[in-house]
Amino acid sequence: MKIIEVMKPGITGFSNTDENLKRLDHKEFEIYLFGAIRAEGGKLIGKEFLTNNQNFYTYKIQSKEKEFYILLHSIYSFVAFASVVDFGGIEFVDGPKTMISLLEPSYKVLSEDLLNRPLQKDQLKRLKEPEKKMIEYWQAVRIGEVIYNYWD
């Protein structure tokens, strides 16, 4: 997936006051998610919904080998995998191939490589001014920090 496909207006979770960003239905996502978890032989051990000013839903998964997180963006149908999710930062990883194949084609699974790429100013041109100000204020340095954040 190309960076221009993910760096769209509203990706930060912020918009102008005259613009209303529609939230994704996380329950619909969970239908796909539970099937992917079963196929991986795992189980859901926790979930968090848009608390602490985050712009993503968090699902904690226990598989046979390890624990990891699946992040669903609250506005766009973007999904990421992570090994650590907290206020100090998110450690993005590539998810199990079985799970990715079951979540795609309905959701776009973002790769570890894309999410960890350094943020460049020209990648922000499609974003709204309030988003650019938040990116500067919070000093985001990676693409993933813009897409999945705890900004208030």
N, C-alpha and C. Protein backbone atom coordinates (compact mmCIF):
# COMPACT_ATOMS: atom_id res chain seq x y z
N MET A 1 0.85 -1.17 0.00
CA MET A 1 0.00 0.00 0.00
C MET A 1 0.89 1.23 0.00
N LYS A 2 0.48 2.23 -0.75
CA LYS A 2 1.25 3.45 -0.85
C LYS A 2 0.85 4.43 0.25
N ILE A 3 1.80 5.26 0.66
CA ILE A 3 1.56 6.23 1.72
C ILE A 3 0.42 7.17 1.37
N ILE A 4 0.31 7.58 0.12
CA ILE A 4 -0.75 8.50 -0.29
C ILE A 4 -2.14 7.89 -0.07
N GLU A 5 -2.22 6.56 -0.08
CA GLU A 5 -3.50 5.89 0.14
C GLU A 5 -3.94 5.92 1.60
N VAL A 6 -3.02 6.13 2.52
CA VAL A 6 -3.38 6.18 3.94
C VAL A 6 -3.38 7.59 4.52
N MET A 7 -2.62 8.47 3.96
CA MET A 7 -2.53 9.84 4.48
C MET A 7 -3.65 10.69 3.88
N LYS A 8 -4.86 10.44 4.35
CA LYS A 8 -6.07 11.11 3.86
C LYS A 8 -6.61 12.05 4.93
N PRO A 9 -7.41 13.03 4.54
CA PRO A 9 -8.02 13.92 5.54
C PRO A 9 -8.79 13.09 6.58
N GLY A 10 -8.55 13.41 7.86
CA GLY A 10 -9.22 12.70 8.94
C GLY A 10 -8.42 11.55 9.51
N ILE A 11 -7.27 11.21 8.92
CA ILE A 11 -6.50 10.06 9.37
C ILE A 11 -6.02 10.21 10.81
N THR A 12 -5.82 11.45 11.26
CA THR A 12 -5.37 11.68 12.64
C THR A 12 -6.50 11.56 13.64
N GLY A 13 -7.74 11.58 13.15
CA GLY A 13 -8.90 11.59 14.03
C GLY A 13 -9.40 13.01 14.29
N PHE A 14 -8.70 13.99 13.73
CA PHE A 14 -9.09 15.39 13.89
C PHE A 14 -9.63 15.93 12.58
N SER A 15 -10.56 16.87 12.69
CA SER A 15 -11.11 17.51 11.50
C SER A 15 -11.54 18.92 11.85
N ASN A 16 -11.96 19.65 10.86
CA ASN A 16 -12.54 20.97 11.10
C ASN A 16 -13.88 20.79 11.80
N THR A 17 -14.34 21.79 12.50
CA THR A 17 -15.60 21.68 13.23
C THR A 17 -16.79 21.52 12.29
N ASP A 18 -16.67 21.96 11.05
CA ASP A 18 -17.79 21.83 10.10
C ASP A 18 -17.81 20.47 9.41
N GLU A 19 -16.86 19.65 9.72
CA GLU A 19 -16.73 18.34 9.08
C GLU A 19 -16.98 17.25 10.12
N ASN A 20 -17.83 16.32 9.80
CA ASN A 20 -18.15 15.25 10.74
C ASN A 20 -17.60 13.94 10.20
N LEU A 21 -16.60 13.41 10.88
CA LEU A 21 -16.00 12.15 10.46
C LEU A 21 -16.82 10.99 11.00
N LYS A 22 -17.22 10.10 10.12
CA LYS A 22 -18.04 8.96 10.52
C LYS A 22 -17.16 7.84 11.07
N ARG A 23 -17.52 7.34 12.22
CA ARG A 23 -16.78 6.25 12.86
C ARG A 23 -17.14 4.91 12.22
N LEU A 24 -16.16 4.04 12.14
CA LEU A 24 -16.39 2.68 11.64
C LEU A 24 -17.21 1.89 12.66
N ASP A 25 -17.93 0.92 12.18
CA ASP A 25 -18.68 0.02 13.05
C ASP A 25 -17.73 -1.10 13.50
N HIS A 26 -17.24 -1.00 14.73
CA HIS A 26 -16.29 -2.00 15.21
C HIS A 26 -16.94 -3.37 15.37
N LYS A 27 -18.25 -3.43 15.53
CA LYS A 27 -18.93 -4.73 15.67
C LYS A 27 -18.85 -5.52 14.36
N GLU A 28 -18.95 -4.82 13.25
CA GLU A 28 -18.81 -5.49 11.95
C GLU A 28 -17.38 -6.04 11.81
N PHE A 29 -16.40 -5.25 12.22
CA PHE A 29 -15.01 -5.70 12.17
C PHE A 29 -14.82 -6.96 13.02
N GLU A 30 -15.47 -7.00 14.16
CA GLU A 30 -15.29 -8.13 15.08
C GLU A 30 -15.76 -9.44 14.47
N ILE A 31 -16.70 -9.41 13.57
CA ILE A 31 -17.13 -10.63 12.88
C ILE A 31 -15.94 -11.23 12.13
N TYR A 32 -15.21 -10.40 11.39
CA TYR A 32 -14.03 -10.86 10.66
C TYR A 32 -12.91 -11.22 11.64
N LEU A 33 -12.75 -10.40 12.67
CA LEU A 33 -11.68 -10.60 13.64
C LEU A 33 -11.81 -11.94 14.35
N PHE A 34 -13.00 -12.28 14.83
CA PHE A 34 -13.17 -13.53 15.57
C PHE A 34 -12.89 -14.74 14.69
N GLY A 35 -13.26 -14.66 13.42
CA GLY A 35 -12.93 -15.73 12.48
C GLY A 35 -11.42 -15.86 12.29
N ALA A 36 -10.74 -14.73 12.20
CA ALA A 36 -9.28 -14.74 12.02
C ALA A 36 -8.58 -15.26 13.28
N ILE A 37 -9.10 -14.88 14.44
CA ILE A 37 -8.51 -15.35 15.71
C ILE A 37 -8.64 -16.87 15.81
N ARG A 38 -9.83 -17.39 15.49
CA ARG A 38 -10.04 -18.85 15.54
C ARG A 38 -9.10 -19.58 14.58
N ALA A 39 -8.95 -19.03 13.37
CA ALA A 39 -8.09 -19.66 12.38
C ALA A 39 -6.63 -19.70 12.84
N GLU A 40 -6.25 -18.73 13.66
CA GLU A 40 -4.88 -18.66 14.20
C GLU A 40 -4.74 -19.51 15.47
N GLY A 41 -5.85 -20.05 15.96
CA GLY A 41 -5.81 -20.84 17.18
C GLY A 41 -5.62 -19.97 18.41
N GLY A 42 -6.09 -18.74 18.33
CA GLY A 42 -5.90 -17.82 19.43
C GLY A 42 -7.20 -17.48 20.13
N LYS A 43 -7.11 -16.50 21.03
CA LYS A 43 -8.32 -16.02 21.71
C LYS A 43 -8.16 -14.54 22.03
N LEU A 44 -9.29 -13.88 22.12
CA LEU A 44 -9.34 -12.47 22.48
C LEU A 44 -9.22 -12.39 24.00
N ILE A 45 -8.25 -11.61 24.50
CA ILE A 45 -8.09 -11.51 25.95
C ILE A 45 -8.32 -10.08 26.47
N GLY A 46 -8.64 -9.16 25.56
CA GLY A 46 -8.94 -7.80 25.99
C GLY A 46 -9.27 -6.91 24.82
N LYS A 47 -10.06 -5.86 25.10
CA LYS A 47 -10.34 -4.86 24.07
C LYS A 47 -10.57 -3.51 24.72
N GLU A 48 -10.28 -2.47 23.96
CA GLU A 48 -10.41 -1.11 24.44
C GLU A 48 -10.99 -0.25 23.32
N PHE A 49 -12.01 0.52 23.67
CA PHE A 49 -12.70 1.32 22.67
C PHE A 49 -12.50 2.81 22.88
N LEU A 50 -11.76 3.45 22.02
CA LEU A 50 -11.64 4.90 21.93
C LEU A 50 -11.58 5.59 23.28
N THR A 51 -10.80 5.08 24.17
CA THR A 51 -10.61 5.73 25.46
C THR A 51 -9.27 6.45 25.46
N ASN A 52 -9.08 7.29 26.44
CA ASN A 52 -7.80 8.00 26.58
C ASN A 52 -7.40 8.76 25.32
N ASN A 53 -8.39 9.33 24.64
CA ASN A 53 -8.17 10.17 23.45
C ASN A 53 -7.55 9.44 22.27
N GLN A 54 -7.61 8.14 22.23
CA GLN A 54 -7.05 7.41 21.10
C GLN A 54 -8.03 7.43 19.93
N ASN A 55 -7.49 7.28 18.72
CA ASN A 55 -8.32 7.26 17.52
C ASN A 55 -8.41 5.86 16.90
N PHE A 56 -8.28 4.84 17.74
CA PHE A 56 -8.32 3.47 17.24
C PHE A 56 -8.88 2.54 18.32
N TYR A 57 -9.43 1.43 17.85
CA TYR A 57 -9.91 0.36 18.72
C TYR A 57 -8.75 -0.62 18.91
N THR A 58 -8.62 -1.16 20.11
CA THR A 58 -7.51 -2.07 20.41
C THR A 58 -8.06 -3.43 20.83
N TYR A 59 -7.51 -4.48 20.24
CA TYR A 59 -7.88 -5.86 20.58
C TYR A 59 -6.60 -6.59 20.97
N LYS A 60 -6.57 -7.16 22.16
CA LYS A 60 -5.41 -7.92 22.61
C LYS A 60 -5.67 -9.40 22.36
N ILE A 61 -4.75 -10.05 21.70
CA ILE A 61 -4.91 -11.42 21.25
C ILE A 61 -3.83 -12.31 21.88
N GLN A 62 -4.23 -13.49 22.28
CA GLN A 62 -3.27 -14.50 22.73
C GLN A 62 -3.31 -15.62 21.69
N SER A 63 -2.18 -15.84 21.03
CA SER A 63 -2.10 -16.97 20.10
C SER A 63 -1.27 -18.07 20.75
N LYS A 64 -1.01 -19.12 20.01
CA LYS A 64 -0.22 -20.23 20.55
C LYS A 64 1.17 -19.77 20.97
N GLU A 65 1.77 -18.89 20.18
CA GLU A 65 3.15 -18.49 20.41
C GLU A 65 3.31 -17.22 21.25
N LYS A 66 2.38 -16.24 21.14
CA LYS A 66 2.63 -14.95 21.78
C LYS A 66 1.36 -14.13 21.93
N GLU A 67 1.49 -13.03 22.65
CA GLU A 67 0.42 -12.04 22.74
C GLU A 67 0.76 -10.90 21.79
N PHE A 68 -0.29 -10.33 21.19
CA PHE A 68 -0.10 -9.18 20.32
C PHE A 68 -1.41 -8.40 20.26
N TYR A 69 -1.37 -7.26 19.62
CA TYR A 69 -2.53 -6.38 19.50
C TYR A 69 -2.92 -6.21 18.05
N ILE A 70 -4.22 -6.03 17.85
CA ILE A 70 -4.73 -5.64 16.54
C ILE A 70 -5.40 -4.29 16.75
N LEU A 71 -5.04 -3.34 15.90
CA LEU A 71 -5.57 -1.99 15.99
C LEU A 71 -6.46 -1.71 14.78
N LEU A 72 -7.66 -1.22 15.04
CA LEU A 72 -8.59 -0.83 13.98
C LEU A 72 -8.74 0.68 14.05
N HIS A 73 -8.41 1.36 12.98
CA HIS A 73 -8.57 2.81 12.94
C HIS A 73 -10.04 3.14 13.10
N SER A 74 -10.36 4.21 13.80
CA SER A 74 -11.76 4.52 14.11
C SER A 74 -12.54 5.09 12.93
N ILE A 75 -11.87 5.58 11.89
CA ILE A 75 -12.56 6.21 10.76
C ILE A 75 -12.37 5.43 9.47
N TYR A 76 -11.13 5.06 9.19
CA TYR A 76 -10.83 4.33 7.96
C TYR A 76 -10.67 2.84 8.27
N SER A 77 -10.90 2.01 7.27
CA SER A 77 -10.83 0.56 7.48
C SER A 77 -9.39 0.05 7.41
N PHE A 78 -8.53 0.68 8.22
CA PHE A 78 -7.12 0.30 8.31
C PHE A 78 -6.89 -0.51 9.58
N VAL A 79 -6.14 -1.59 9.43
CA VAL A 79 -5.82 -2.48 10.53
C VAL A 79 -4.30 -2.58 10.65
N ALA A 80 -3.80 -2.61 11.89
CA ALA A 80 -2.38 -2.79 12.13
C ALA A 80 -2.20 -3.81 13.25
N PHE A 81 -1.02 -4.40 13.28
CA PHE A 81 -0.64 -5.31 14.35
C PHE A 81 0.48 -4.66 15.15
N ALA A 82 0.51 -4.93 16.45
CA ALA A 82 1.53 -4.35 17.32
C ALA A 82 1.90 -5.32 18.44
N SER A 83 3.12 -5.19 18.92
CA SER A 83 3.56 -6.00 20.05
C SER A 83 3.41 -5.23 21.36
N VAL A 84 3.42 -3.90 21.28
CA VAL A 84 3.25 -3.02 22.44
C VAL A 84 2.31 -1.90 22.05
N VAL A 85 1.36 -1.58 22.94
CA VAL A 85 0.45 -0.46 22.73
C VAL A 85 0.27 0.25 24.06
N ASP A 86 0.85 1.45 24.16
CA ASP A 86 0.64 2.27 25.35
C ASP A 86 0.98 3.72 25.04
N PHE A 87 0.80 4.59 26.03
CA PHE A 87 1.03 6.02 25.82
C PHE A 87 2.46 6.32 25.42
N GLY A 88 3.39 5.48 25.82
CA GLY A 88 4.79 5.68 25.48
C GLY A 88 5.11 5.37 24.04
N GLY A 89 4.21 4.71 23.36
CA GLY A 89 4.42 4.39 21.95
C GLY A 89 3.81 3.06 21.56
N ILE A 90 3.76 2.86 20.28
CA ILE A 90 3.24 1.62 19.71
C ILE A 90 4.37 0.98 18.92
N GLU A 91 4.59 -0.30 19.16
CA GLU A 91 5.58 -1.06 18.41
C GLU A 91 4.85 -1.88 17.36
N PHE A 92 4.88 -1.41 16.13
CA PHE A 92 4.18 -2.08 15.05
C PHE A 92 4.95 -3.32 14.59
N VAL A 93 4.21 -4.36 14.27
CA VAL A 93 4.78 -5.61 13.75
C VAL A 93 3.89 -6.10 12.61
N ASP A 94 4.42 -7.04 11.86
CA ASP A 94 3.59 -7.71 10.85
C ASP A 94 2.82 -8.82 11.54
N GLY A 95 1.57 -8.96 11.20
CA GLY A 95 0.72 -9.97 11.81
C GLY A 95 0.87 -11.33 11.14
N PRO A 96 0.26 -12.34 11.76
CA PRO A 96 0.27 -13.68 11.18
C PRO A 96 -0.41 -13.69 9.81
N LYS A 97 0.20 -14.37 8.86
CA LYS A 97 -0.31 -14.39 7.47
C LYS A 97 -1.75 -14.90 7.39
N THR A 98 -2.08 -15.89 8.20
CA THR A 98 -3.44 -16.43 8.18
C THR A 98 -4.45 -15.35 8.55
N MET A 99 -4.16 -14.61 9.59
CA MET A 99 -5.07 -13.55 10.04
C MET A 99 -5.18 -12.45 9.00
N ILE A 100 -4.06 -12.06 8.44
CA ILE A 100 -4.06 -11.00 7.42
C ILE A 100 -4.93 -11.41 6.24
N SER A 101 -4.78 -12.64 5.77
CA SER A 101 -5.55 -13.09 4.60
C SER A 101 -7.05 -13.11 4.88
N LEU A 102 -7.44 -13.33 6.13
CA LEU A 102 -8.86 -13.35 6.47
C LEU A 102 -9.44 -11.94 6.70
N LEU A 103 -8.60 -11.01 7.13
CA LEU A 103 -9.07 -9.64 7.35
C LEU A 103 -9.13 -8.86 6.04
N GLU A 104 -8.16 -9.12 5.15
CA GLU A 104 -8.24 -8.52 3.83
C GLU A 104 -9.21 -9.37 3.03
N PRO A 105 -9.95 -9.02 2.21
CA PRO A 105 -10.17 -7.84 1.39
C PRO A 105 -11.10 -6.80 2.03
N SER A 106 -11.73 -7.08 3.16
CA SER A 106 -12.66 -6.12 3.76
C SER A 106 -11.95 -4.98 4.47
N TYR A 107 -10.71 -5.22 4.93
CA TYR A 107 -9.93 -4.21 5.65
C TYR A 107 -8.54 -4.15 5.06
N LYS A 108 -7.93 -2.99 5.12
CA LYS A 108 -6.57 -2.82 4.61
C LYS A 108 -5.60 -3.01 5.77
N VAL A 109 -4.82 -4.07 5.71
CA VAL A 109 -3.84 -4.35 6.76
C VAL A 109 -2.55 -3.61 6.40
N LEU A 110 -2.13 -2.72 7.29
CA LEU A 110 -0.94 -1.90 7.07
C LEU A 110 0.29 -2.65 7.59
N SER A 111 1.34 -2.63 6.80
CA SER A 111 2.56 -3.39 7.14
C SER A 111 3.41 -2.65 8.16
N GLU A 112 4.22 -3.42 8.86
CA GLU A 112 5.19 -2.85 9.80
C GLU A 112 6.10 -1.85 9.07
N ASP A 113 6.53 -2.19 7.88
CA ASP A 113 7.41 -1.33 7.10
C ASP A 113 6.76 0.04 6.83
N LEU A 114 5.54 0.05 6.39
CA LEU A 114 4.85 1.31 6.10
C LEU A 114 4.67 2.14 7.38
N LEU A 115 4.22 1.51 8.45
CA LEU A 115 3.92 2.22 9.69
C LEU A 115 5.17 2.79 10.37
N ASN A 116 6.33 2.17 10.16
CA ASN A 116 7.56 2.63 10.79
C ASN A 116 8.39 3.56 9.90
N ARG A 117 7.89 3.87 8.71
CA ARG A 117 8.62 4.80 7.84
C ARG A 117 8.64 6.20 8.45
N PRO A 118 9.78 6.89 8.27
CA PRO A 118 9.85 8.27 8.77
C PRO A 118 8.82 9.16 8.06
N LEU A 119 8.23 10.03 8.83
CA LEU A 119 7.24 10.97 8.32
C LEU A 119 7.95 12.11 7.60
N GLN A 120 7.48 12.42 6.39
CA GLN A 120 8.06 13.52 5.62
C GLN A 120 6.97 14.56 5.35
N LYS A 121 7.38 15.80 5.31
CA LYS A 121 6.45 16.92 5.19
C LYS A 121 5.55 16.81 3.95
N ASP A 122 6.09 16.36 2.84
CA ASP A 122 5.29 16.28 1.61
C ASP A 122 4.16 15.24 1.72
N GLN A 123 4.24 14.33 2.69
CA GLN A 123 3.19 13.32 2.88
C GLN A 123 1.96 13.90 3.57
N LEU A 124 2.05 15.12 4.06
CA LEU A 124 0.96 15.74 4.80
C LEU A 124 0.09 16.64 3.94
N LYS A 125 0.40 16.78 2.67
CA LYS A 125 -0.28 17.78 1.83
C LYS A 125 -1.79 17.57 1.71
N ARG A 126 -2.28 16.36 1.84
CA ARG A 126 -3.73 16.13 1.73
C ARG A 126 -4.48 16.34 3.04
N LEU A 127 -3.75 16.48 4.15
CA LEU A 127 -4.37 16.61 5.46
C LEU A 127 -4.86 18.04 5.69
N LYS A 128 -5.83 18.18 6.57
CA LYS A 128 -6.39 19.48 6.94
C LYS A 128 -5.43 20.19 7.90
N GLU A 129 -5.56 21.51 7.97
CA GLU A 129 -4.69 22.30 8.84
C GLU A 129 -4.71 21.86 10.31
N PRO A 130 -5.90 21.59 10.90
CA PRO A 130 -5.88 21.14 12.31
C PRO A 130 -5.05 19.86 12.50
N GLU A 131 -5.07 18.98 11.50
CA GLU A 131 -4.28 17.75 11.59
C GLU A 131 -2.79 18.06 11.53
N LYS A 132 -2.40 18.94 10.63
CA LYS A 132 -0.99 19.30 10.51
C LYS A 132 -0.48 19.94 11.79
N LYS A 133 -1.32 20.75 12.41
CA LYS A 133 -0.92 21.40 13.67
C LYS A 133 -0.74 20.36 14.77
N MET A 134 -1.62 19.37 14.83
CA MET A 134 -1.50 18.31 15.85
C MET A 134 -0.24 17.47 15.62
N ILE A 135 0.06 17.17 14.37
CA ILE A 135 1.26 16.40 14.04
C ILE A 135 2.50 17.14 14.50
N GLU A 136 2.51 18.45 14.25
CA GLU A 136 3.64 19.26 14.68
C GLU A 136 3.70 19.35 16.21
N TYR A 137 2.56 19.59 16.84
CA TYR A 137 2.52 19.73 18.30
C TYR A 137 3.00 18.45 18.99
N TRP A 138 2.52 17.30 18.53
CA TRP A 138 2.87 16.03 19.17
C TRP A 138 4.18 15.45 18.65
N GLN A 139 4.79 16.13 17.68
CA GLN A 139 6.10 15.76 17.14
C GLN A 139 6.14 14.33 16.61
N ALA A 140 5.15 13.98 15.82
CA ALA A 140 5.11 12.65 15.20
C ALA A 140 6.29 12.52 14.22
N VAL A 141 6.95 11.38 14.27
CA VAL A 141 8.10 11.16 13.40
C VAL A 141 7.93 9.95 12.48
N ARG A 142 6.89 9.13 12.73
CA ARG A 142 6.64 7.96 11.88
C ARG A 142 5.21 8.02 11.34
N ILE A 143 5.00 7.40 10.21
CA ILE A 143 3.67 7.32 9.61
C ILE A 143 2.67 6.72 10.60
N GLY A 144 3.06 5.65 11.28
CA GLY A 144 2.17 4.97 12.23
C GLY A 144 1.71 5.86 13.37
N GLU A 145 2.53 6.82 13.78
CA GLU A 145 2.17 7.74 14.87
C GLU A 145 1.06 8.70 14.45
N VAL A 146 0.97 8.96 13.17
CA VAL A 146 -0.10 9.82 12.65
C VAL A 146 -1.39 9.03 12.54
N ILE A 147 -1.31 7.80 12.09
CA ILE A 147 -2.49 6.98 11.85
C ILE A 147 -3.11 6.47 13.16
N TYR A 148 -2.25 6.06 14.10
CA TYR A 148 -2.73 5.53 15.38
C TYR A 148 -2.14 6.40 16.49
N ASN A 149 -2.98 7.17 17.17
CA ASN A 149 -2.45 8.10 18.17
C ASN A 149 -3.39 8.27 19.36
N TYR A 150 -2.83 8.89 20.41
CA TYR A 150 -3.55 9.19 21.66
C TYR A 150 -3.71 10.70 21.84
N TRP A 151 -3.66 11.45 20.78
CA TRP A 151 -3.69 12.90 20.89
C TRP A 151 -5.04 13.40 21.39
N ASP A 152 -5.03 14.48 22.14
CA ASP A 152 -6.29 15.08 22.60
C ASP A 152 -6.49 16.45 22.01
